Amino acid sequence: MTRSPLLKYLAINGAIGTLIAMLFVAALFWHNVGGLRVVLLETEEPLIAVILLTAGFIVTFASAAMGTAIMLLPRDKRSWDEIR
């Protein structure tokens, strides 16, 4: 069974968006933007808050990366052959 090159293309771009989102969340904590790190560490369940924050950023950044990838796809047949 052969895999679609489009699914591979979307998976790669989704992974790139996920990596960028995780780096962004790490930068938010590292720089303590708006006292976010302090507030999250003082909550009763900081892990749940961090997971929810990270998941929101992953959904946003991964979908933006995948959407951008779709919009930048070539329109003519000859360019498709170069992607495969």
PDB file of N, CA and C in Angstrom:
ATOM      1  N   MET A   1       0.846  -1.169   0.000  1.00  0.00           N
ATOM      2  CA  MET A   1       0.000   0.000   0.000  1.00  0.00           C
ATOM      3  C   MET A   1       0.898   1.240   0.000  1.00  0.00           C
ATOM      4  N   THR A   2       0.675   2.115  -0.937  1.00  0.00           N
ATOM      5  CA  THR A   2       1.474   3.344  -1.020  1.00  0.00           C
ATOM      6  C   THR A   2       0.771   4.454  -0.248  1.00  0.00           C
ATOM      7  N   ARG A   3       1.566   5.262   0.379  1.00  0.00           N
ATOM      8  CA  ARG A   3       1.016   6.395   1.121  1.00  0.00           C
ATOM      9  C   ARG A   3       0.933   7.604   0.205  1.00  0.00           C
ATOM     10  N   SER A   4      -0.073   8.401   0.439  1.00  0.00           N
ATOM     11  CA  SER A   4      -0.259   9.606  -0.351  1.00  0.00           C
ATOM     12  C   SER A   4       0.828  10.618  -0.013  1.00  0.00           C
ATOM     13  N   PRO A   5       1.438  11.232  -1.033  1.00  0.00           N
ATOM     14  CA  PRO A   5       2.446  12.249  -0.744  1.00  0.00           C
ATOM     15  C   PRO A   5       1.836  13.482  -0.061  1.00  0.00           C
ATOM     16  N   LEU A   6       0.548  13.707  -0.275  1.00  0.00           N
ATOM     17  CA  LEU A   6      -0.100  14.844   0.379  1.00  0.00           C
ATOM     18  C   LEU A   6      -0.215  14.641   1.886  1.00  0.00           C
ATOM     19  N   LEU A   7      -0.531  13.414   2.309  1.00  0.00           N
ATOM     20  CA  LEU A   7      -0.620  13.151   3.742  1.00  0.00           C
ATOM     21  C   LEU A   7       0.747  13.288   4.410  1.00  0.00           C
ATOM     22  N   LYS A   8       1.787  12.829   3.717  1.00  0.00           N
ATOM     23  CA  LYS A   8       3.145  12.988   4.242  1.00  0.00           C
ATOM     24  C   LYS A   8       3.498  14.469   4.338  1.00  0.00           C
ATOM     25  N   TYR A   9       3.132  15.233   3.319  1.00  0.00           N
ATOM     26  CA  TYR A   9       3.380  16.677   3.277  1.00  0.00           C
ATOM     27  C   TYR A   9       2.677  17.369   4.448  1.00  0.00           C
ATOM     28  N   LEU A  10       1.423  17.012   4.704  1.00  0.00           N
ATOM     29  CA  LEU A  10       0.676  17.608   5.808  1.00  0.00           C
ATOM     30  C   LEU A  10       1.230  17.172   7.163  1.00  0.00           C
ATOM     31  N   ALA A  11       1.636  15.909   7.281  1.00  0.00           N
ATOM     32  CA  ALA A  11       2.191  15.424   8.537  1.00  0.00           C
ATOM     33  C   ALA A  11       3.487  16.154   8.879  1.00  0.00           C
ATOM     34  N   ILE A  12       4.329  16.371   7.891  1.00  0.00           N
ATOM     35  CA  ILE A  12       5.589  17.081   8.126  1.00  0.00           C
ATOM     36  C   ILE A  12       5.307  18.509   8.569  1.00  0.00           C
ATOM     37  N   ASN A  13       4.401  19.182   7.890  1.00  0.00           N
ATOM     38  CA  ASN A  13       4.088  20.562   8.254  1.00  0.00           C
ATOM     39  C   ASN A  13       3.370  20.644   9.597  1.00  0.00           C
ATOM     40  N   GLY A  14       2.538  19.666   9.911  1.00  0.00           N
ATOM     41  CA  GLY A  14       1.900  19.619  11.223  1.00  0.00           C
ATOM     42  C   GLY A  14       2.922  19.426  12.335  1.00  0.00           C
ATOM     43  N   ALA A  15       3.919  18.589  12.079  1.00  0.00           N
ATOM     44  CA  ALA A  15       4.984  18.367  13.067  1.00  0.00           C
ATOM     45  C   ALA A  15       5.822  19.633  13.258  1.00  0.00           C
ATOM     46  N   ILE A  16       6.073  20.350  12.177  1.00  0.00           N
ATOM     47  CA  ILE A  16       6.817  21.613  12.279  1.00  0.00           C
ATOM     48  C   ILE A  16       6.028  22.622  13.114  1.00  0.00           C
ATOM     49  N   GLY A  17       4.725  22.722  12.859  1.00  0.00           N
ATOM     50  CA  GLY A  17       3.884  23.623  13.642  1.00  0.00           C
ATOM     51  C   GLY A  17       3.833  23.232  15.112  1.00  0.00           C
ATOM     52  N   THR A  18       3.813  21.933  15.389  1.00  0.00           N
ATOM     53  CA  THR A  18       3.814  21.446  16.765  1.00  0.00           C
ATOM     54  C   THR A  18       5.117  21.809  17.465  1.00  0.00           C
ATOM     55  N   LEU A  19       6.224  21.627  16.777  1.00  0.00           N
ATOM     56  CA  LEU A  19       7.527  21.978  17.358  1.00  0.00           C
ATOM     57  C   LEU A  19       7.612  23.475  17.663  1.00  0.00           C
ATOM     58  N   ILE A  20       7.141  24.298  16.733  1.00  0.00           N
ATOM     59  CA  ILE A  20       7.159  25.746  16.945  1.00  0.00           C
ATOM     60  C   ILE A  20       6.281  26.122  18.139  1.00  0.00           C
ATOM     61  N   ALA A  21       5.113  25.480  18.256  1.00  0.00           N
ATOM     62  CA  ALA A  21       4.216  25.766  19.388  1.00  0.00           C
ATOM     63  C   ALA A  21       4.869  25.402  20.709  1.00  0.00           C
ATOM     64  N   MET A  22       5.537  24.261  20.760  1.00  0.00           N
ATOM     65  CA  MET A  22       6.182  23.850  22.004  1.00  0.00           C
ATOM     66  C   MET A  22       7.346  24.775  22.363  1.00  0.00           C
ATOM     67  N   LEU A  23       8.077  25.214  21.355  1.00  0.00           N
ATOM     68  CA  LEU A  23       9.150  26.173  21.610  1.00  0.00           C
ATOM     69  C   LEU A  23       8.592  27.511  22.092  1.00  0.00           C
ATOM     70  N   PHE A  24       7.446  27.906  21.545  1.00  0.00           N
ATOM     71  CA  PHE A  24       6.809  29.153  21.951  1.00  0.00           C
ATOM     72  C   PHE A  24       6.358  29.092  23.410  1.00  0.00           C
ATOM     73  N   VAL A  25       5.747  27.978  23.793  1.00  0.00           N
ATOM     74  CA  VAL A  25       5.311  27.817  25.186  1.00  0.00           C
ATOM     75  C   VAL A  25       6.526  27.795  26.117  1.00  0.00           C
ATOM     76  N   ALA A  26       7.587  27.121  25.702  1.00  0.00           N
ATOM     77  CA  ALA A  26       8.808  27.096  26.516  1.00  0.00           C
ATOM     78  C   ALA A  26       9.377  28.509  26.675  1.00  0.00           C
ATOM     79  N   ALA A  27       9.327  29.304  25.603  1.00  0.00           N
ATOM     80  CA  ALA A  27       9.816  30.685  25.681  1.00  0.00           C
ATOM     81  C   ALA A  27       8.936  31.526  26.599  1.00  0.00           C
ATOM     82  N   LEU A  28       7.627  31.282  26.581  1.00  0.00           N
ATOM     83  CA  LEU A  28       6.730  31.996  27.499  1.00  0.00           C
ATOM     84  C   LEU A  28       7.097  31.717  28.952  1.00  0.00           C
ATOM     85  N   PHE A  29       7.371  30.450  29.257  1.00  0.00           N
ATOM     86  CA  PHE A  29       7.749  30.097  30.619  1.00  0.00           C
ATOM     87  C   PHE A  29       9.135  30.617  30.967  1.00  0.00           C
ATOM     88  N   TRP A  30      10.058  30.496  30.041  1.00  0.00           N
ATOM     89  CA  TRP A  30      11.440  30.919  30.296  1.00  0.00           C
ATOM     90  C   TRP A  30      11.510  32.412  30.632  1.00  0.00           C
ATOM     91  N   HIS A  31      10.773  33.228  29.857  1.00  0.00           N
ATOM     92  CA  HIS A  31      10.800  34.677  30.051  1.00  0.00           C
ATOM     93  C   HIS A  31       9.749  35.158  31.053  1.00  0.00           C
ATOM     94  N   ASN A  32       8.922  34.238  31.548  1.00  0.00           N
ATOM     95  CA  ASN A  32       7.896  34.546  32.537  1.00  0.00           C
ATOM     96  C   ASN A  32       7.024  35.723  32.082  1.00  0.00           C
ATOM     97  N   VAL A  33       6.526  35.627  30.876  1.00  0.00           N
ATOM     98  CA  VAL A  33       5.712  36.692  30.286  1.00  0.00           C
ATOM     99  C   VAL A  33       4.429  36.869  31.093  1.00  0.00           C
ATOM    100  N   GLY A  34       4.224  38.081  31.571  1.00  0.00           N
ATOM    101  CA  GLY A  34       3.028  38.390  32.345  1.00  0.00           C
ATOM    102  C   GLY A  34       2.932  37.622  33.655  1.00  0.00           C
ATOM    103  N   GLY A  35       4.047  37.105  34.141  1.00  0.00           N
ATOM    104  CA  GLY A  35       4.035  36.320  35.370  1.00  0.00           C
ATOM    105  C   GLY A  35       3.393  34.955  35.201  1.00  0.00           C
ATOM    106  N   LEU A  36       3.345  34.459  33.961  1.00  0.00           N
ATOM    107  CA  LEU A  36       2.667  33.195  33.660  1.00  0.00           C
ATOM    108  C   LEU A  36       3.280  32.016  34.411  1.00  0.00           C
ATOM    109  N   ARG A  37       4.601  31.939  34.426  1.00  0.00           N
ATOM    110  CA  ARG A  37       5.267  30.816  35.100  1.00  0.00           C
ATOM    111  C   ARG A  37       4.942  30.806  36.590  1.00  0.00           C
ATOM    112  N   VAL A  38       4.968  31.966  37.205  1.00  0.00           N
ATOM    113  CA  VAL A  38       4.690  32.059  38.638  1.00  0.00           C
ATOM    114  C   VAL A  38       3.249  31.657  38.927  1.00  0.00           C
ATOM    115  N   VAL A  39       2.331  32.142  38.130  1.00  0.00           N
ATOM    116  CA  VAL A  39       0.910  31.831  38.343  1.00  0.00           C
ATOM    117  C   VAL A  39       0.655  30.336  38.171  1.00  0.00           C
ATOM    118  N   LEU A  40       1.230  29.739  37.120  1.00  0.00           N
ATOM    119  CA  LEU A  40       0.994  28.324  36.879  1.00  0.00           C
ATOM    120  C   LEU A  40       1.629  27.434  37.940  1.00  0.00           C
ATOM    121  N   LEU A  41       2.794  27.816  38.422  1.00  0.00           N
ATOM    122  CA  LEU A  41       3.447  26.995  39.441  1.00  0.00           C
ATOM    123  C   LEU A  41       2.770  27.099  40.794  1.00  0.00           C
ATOM    124  N   GLU A  42       1.976  28.144  41.024  1.00  0.00           N
ATOM    125  CA  GLU A  42       1.274  28.297  42.299  1.00  0.00           C
ATOM    126  C   GLU A  42      -0.112  27.666  42.306  1.00  0.00           C
ATOM    127  N   THR A  43      -0.561  27.144  41.180  1.00  0.00           N
ATOM    128  CA  THR A  43      -1.883  26.505  41.146  1.00  0.00           C
ATOM    129  C   THR A  43      -1.804  25.117  41.782  1.00  0.00           C
ATOM    130  N   GLU A  44      -2.984  24.569  42.076  1.00  0.00           N
ATOM    131  CA  GLU A  44      -3.027  23.232  42.678  1.00  0.00           C
ATOM    132  C   GLU A  44      -2.607  22.152  41.689  1.00  0.00           C
ATOM    133  N   GLU A  45      -2.977  22.293  40.425  1.00  0.00           N
ATOM    134  CA  GLU A  45      -2.653  21.315  39.386  1.00  0.00           C
ATOM    135  C   GLU A  45      -1.927  22.005  38.233  1.00  0.00           C
ATOM    136  N   PRO A  46      -0.640  22.301  38.388  1.00  0.00           N
ATOM    137  CA  PRO A  46       0.062  23.027  37.323  1.00  0.00           C
ATOM    138  C   PRO A  46       0.213  22.213  36.036  1.00  0.00           C
ATOM    139  N   LEU A  47       0.283  20.889  36.146  1.00  0.00           N
ATOM    140  CA  LEU A  47       0.459  20.055  34.957  1.00  0.00           C
ATOM    141  C   LEU A  47      -0.743  20.166  34.020  1.00  0.00           C
ATOM    142  N   ILE A  48      -1.931  20.182  34.582  1.00  0.00           N
ATOM    143  CA  ILE A  48      -3.138  20.296  33.759  1.00  0.00           C
ATOM    144  C   ILE A  48      -3.159  21.648  33.043  1.00  0.00           C
ATOM    145  N   ALA A  49      -2.801  22.700  33.743  1.00  0.00           N
ATOM    146  CA  ALA A  49      -2.785  24.033  33.132  1.00  0.00           C
ATOM    147  C   ALA A  49      -1.760  24.109  32.008  1.00  0.00           C
ATOM    148  N   VAL A  50      -0.595  23.529  32.227  1.00  0.00           N
ATOM    149  CA  VAL A  50       0.448  23.549  31.192  1.00  0.00           C
ATOM    150  C   VAL A  50       0.020  22.720  29.984  1.00  0.00           C
ATOM    151  N   ILE A  51      -0.593  21.576  30.220  1.00  0.00           N
ATOM    152  CA  ILE A  51      -1.064  20.727  29.116  1.00  0.00           C
ATOM    153  C   ILE A  51      -2.124  21.450  28.300  1.00  0.00           C
ATOM    154  N   LEU A  52      -3.067  22.090  28.968  1.00  0.00           N
ATOM    155  CA  LEU A  52      -4.122  22.805  28.245  1.00  0.00           C
ATOM    156  C   LEU A  52      -3.565  23.988  27.454  1.00  0.00           C
ATOM    157  N   LEU A  53      -2.641  24.729  28.042  1.00  0.00           N
ATOM    158  CA  LEU A  53      -2.018  25.847  27.345  1.00  0.00           C
ATOM    159  C   LEU A  53      -1.240  25.350  26.123  1.00  0.00           C
ATOM    160  N   THR A  54      -0.452  24.305  26.308  1.00  0.00           N
ATOM    161  CA  THR A  54       0.341  23.760  25.215  1.00  0.00           C
ATOM    162  C   THR A  54      -0.552  23.189  24.115  1.00  0.00           C
ATOM    163  N   ALA A  55      -1.602  22.495  24.485  1.00  0.00           N
ATOM    164  CA  ALA A  55      -2.507  21.919  23.492  1.00  0.00           C
ATOM    165  C   ALA A  55      -3.169  23.009  22.649  1.00  0.00           C
ATOM    166  N   GLY A  56      -3.541  24.100  23.287  1.00  0.00           N
ATOM    167  CA  GLY A  56      -4.135  25.208  22.532  1.00  0.00           C
ATOM    168  C   GLY A  56      -3.166  25.798  21.526  1.00  0.00           C
ATOM    169  N   PHE A  57      -1.922  25.973  21.946  1.00  0.00           N
ATOM    170  CA  PHE A  57      -0.917  26.497  21.024  1.00  0.00           C
ATOM    171  C   PHE A  57      -0.603  25.499  19.909  1.00  0.00           C
ATOM    172  N   ILE A  58      -0.570  24.204  20.236  1.00  0.00           N
ATOM    173  CA  ILE A  58      -0.294  23.193  19.212  1.00  0.00           C
ATOM    174  C   ILE A  58      -1.383  23.195  18.158  1.00  0.00           C
ATOM    175  N   VAL A  59      -2.632  23.230  18.584  1.00  0.00           N
ATOM    176  CA  VAL A  59      -3.734  23.259  17.616  1.00  0.00           C
ATOM    177  C   VAL A  59      -3.632  24.488  16.719  1.00  0.00           C
ATOM    178  N   THR A  60      -3.337  25.622  17.310  1.00  0.00           N
ATOM    179  CA  THR A  60      -3.250  26.869  16.548  1.00  0.00           C
ATOM    180  C   THR A  60      -2.077  26.865  15.572  1.00  0.00           C
ATOM    181  N   PHE A  61      -0.892  26.557  16.067  1.00  0.00           N
ATOM    182  CA  PHE A  61       0.308  26.644  15.233  1.00  0.00           C
ATOM    183  C   PHE A  61       0.358  25.527  14.192  1.00  0.00           C
ATOM    184  N   ALA A  62      -0.037  24.307  14.568  1.00  0.00           N
ATOM    185  CA  ALA A  62      -0.013  23.204  13.604  1.00  0.00           C
ATOM    186  C   ALA A  62      -1.029  23.427  12.488  1.00  0.00           C
ATOM    187  N   SER A  63      -2.216  23.904  12.833  1.00  0.00           N
ATOM    188  CA  SER A  63      -3.209  24.151  11.784  1.00  0.00           C
ATOM    189  C   SER A  63      -2.792  25.315  10.892  1.00  0.00           C
ATOM    190  N   ALA A  64      -2.131  26.320  11.463  1.00  0.00           N
ATOM    191  CA  ALA A  64      -1.638  27.423  10.640  1.00  0.00           C
ATOM    192  C   ALA A  64      -0.543  26.945   9.692  1.00  0.00           C
ATOM    193  N   ALA A  65       0.349  26.096  10.172  1.00  0.00           N
ATOM    194  CA  ALA A  65       1.417  25.566   9.319  1.00  0.00           C
ATOM    195  C   ALA A  65       0.843  24.681   8.214  1.00  0.00           C
ATOM    196  N   MET A  66      -0.129  23.852   8.551  1.00  0.00           N
ATOM    197  CA  MET A  66      -0.738  22.970   7.547  1.00  0.00           C
ATOM    198  C   MET A  66      -1.553  23.773   6.540  1.00  0.00           C
ATOM    199  N   GLY A  67      -2.275  24.768   7.012  1.00  0.00           N
ATOM    200  CA  GLY A  67      -3.041  25.615   6.098  1.00  0.00           C
ATOM    201  C   GLY A  67      -2.151  26.389   5.151  1.00  0.00           C
ATOM    202  N   THR A  68      -1.041  26.894   5.662  1.00  0.00           N
ATOM    203  CA  THR A  68      -0.089  27.599   4.809  1.00  0.00           C
ATOM    204  C   THR A  68       0.500  26.659   3.774  1.00  0.00           C
ATOM    205  N   ALA A  69       0.795  25.436   4.196  1.00  0.00           N
ATOM    206  CA  ALA A  69       1.346  24.455   3.257  1.00  0.00           C
ATOM    207  C   ALA A  69       0.356  24.147   2.138  1.00  0.00           C
ATOM    208  N   ILE A  70      -0.911  24.023   2.482  1.00  0.00           N
ATOM    209  CA  ILE A  70      -1.936  23.752   1.464  1.00  0.00           C
ATOM    210  C   ILE A  70      -2.054  24.918   0.493  1.00  0.00           C
ATOM    211  N   MET A  71      -2.036  26.124   1.022  1.00  0.00           N
ATOM    212  CA  MET A  71      -2.173  27.296   0.156  1.00  0.00           C
ATOM    213  C   MET A  71      -0.964  27.490  -0.759  1.00  0.00           C
ATOM    214  N   LEU A  72       0.181  26.974  -0.379  1.00  0.00           N
ATOM    215  CA  LEU A  72       1.387  27.132  -1.188  1.00  0.00           C
ATOM    216  C   LEU A  72       1.627  25.977  -2.156  1.00  0.00           C
ATOM    217  N   LEU A  73       0.685  25.030  -2.223  1.00  0.00           N
ATOM    218  CA  LEU A  73       0.840  23.922  -3.164  1.00  0.00           C
ATOM    219  C   LEU A  73       0.787  24.433  -4.602  1.00  0.00           C
ATOM    220  N   PRO A  74       1.571  23.823  -5.479  1.00  0.00           N
ATOM    221  CA  PRO A  74       1.529  24.230  -6.891  1.00  0.00           C
ATOM    222  C   PRO A  74       0.196  23.855  -7.530  1.00  0.00           C
ATOM    223  N   ARG A  75      -0.175  24.579  -8.583  1.00  0.00           N
ATOM    224  CA  ARG A  75      -1.464  24.346  -9.219  1.00  0.00           C
ATOM    225  C   ARG A  75      -1.383  23.528 -10.500  1.00  0.00           C
ATOM    226  N   ASP A  76      -0.225  23.481 -11.132  1.00  0.00           N
ATOM    227  CA  ASP A  76      -0.151  22.751 -12.400  1.00  0.00           C
ATOM    228  C   ASP A  76       0.424  21.349 -12.202  1.00  0.00           C
ATOM    229  N   LYS A  77       0.149  20.479 -13.153  1.00  0.00           N
ATOM    230  CA  LYS A  77       0.521  19.067 -13.067  1.00  0.00           C
ATOM    231  C   LYS A  77       2.033  18.873 -13.022  1.00  0.00           C
ATOM    232  N   ARG A  78       2.792  19.644 -13.776  1.00  0.00           N
ATOM    233  CA  ARG A  78       4.233  19.468 -13.821  1.00  0.00           C
ATOM    234  C   ARG A  78       4.878  19.710 -12.460  1.00  0.00           C
ATOM    235  N   SER A  79       4.379  20.667 -11.709  1.00  0.00           N
ATOM    236  CA  SER A  79       4.928  20.944 -10.397  1.00  0.00           C
ATOM    237  C   SER A  79       4.618  19.818  -9.409  1.00  0.00           C
ATOM    238  N   TRP A  80       3.488  19.138  -9.590  1.00  0.00           N
ATOM    239  CA  TRP A  80       3.133  18.012  -8.734  1.00  0.00           C
ATOM    240  C   TRP A  80       4.122  16.870  -8.896  1.00  0.00           C
ATOM    241  N   ASP A  81       4.584  16.668 -10.107  1.00  0.00           N
ATOM    242  CA  ASP A  81       5.530  15.600 -10.342  1.00  0.00           C
ATOM    243  C   ASP A  81       6.844  15.861  -9.611  1.00  0.00           C
ATOM    244  N   GLU A  82       7.196  17.129  -9.410  1.00  0.00           N
ATOM    245  CA  GLU A  82       8.424  17.466  -8.687  1.00  0.00           C
ATOM    246  C   GLU A  82       8.295  17.185  -7.200  1.00  0.00           C
ATOM    247  N   ILE A  83       7.083  17.286  -6.635  1.00  0.00           N
ATOM    248  CA  ILE A  83       6.860  17.026  -5.216  1.00  0.00           C
ATOM    249  C   ILE A  83       7.011  15.544  -4.921  1.00  0.00           C
ATOM    250  N   ARG A  84       6.490  14.700  -5.797  1.00  0.00           N
ATOM    251  CA  ARG A  84       6.549  13.243  -5.583  1.00  0.00           C
ATOM    252  C   ARG A  84       7.943  12.790  -5.727  1.00  0.00           C
TER     253      ARG A  84
END
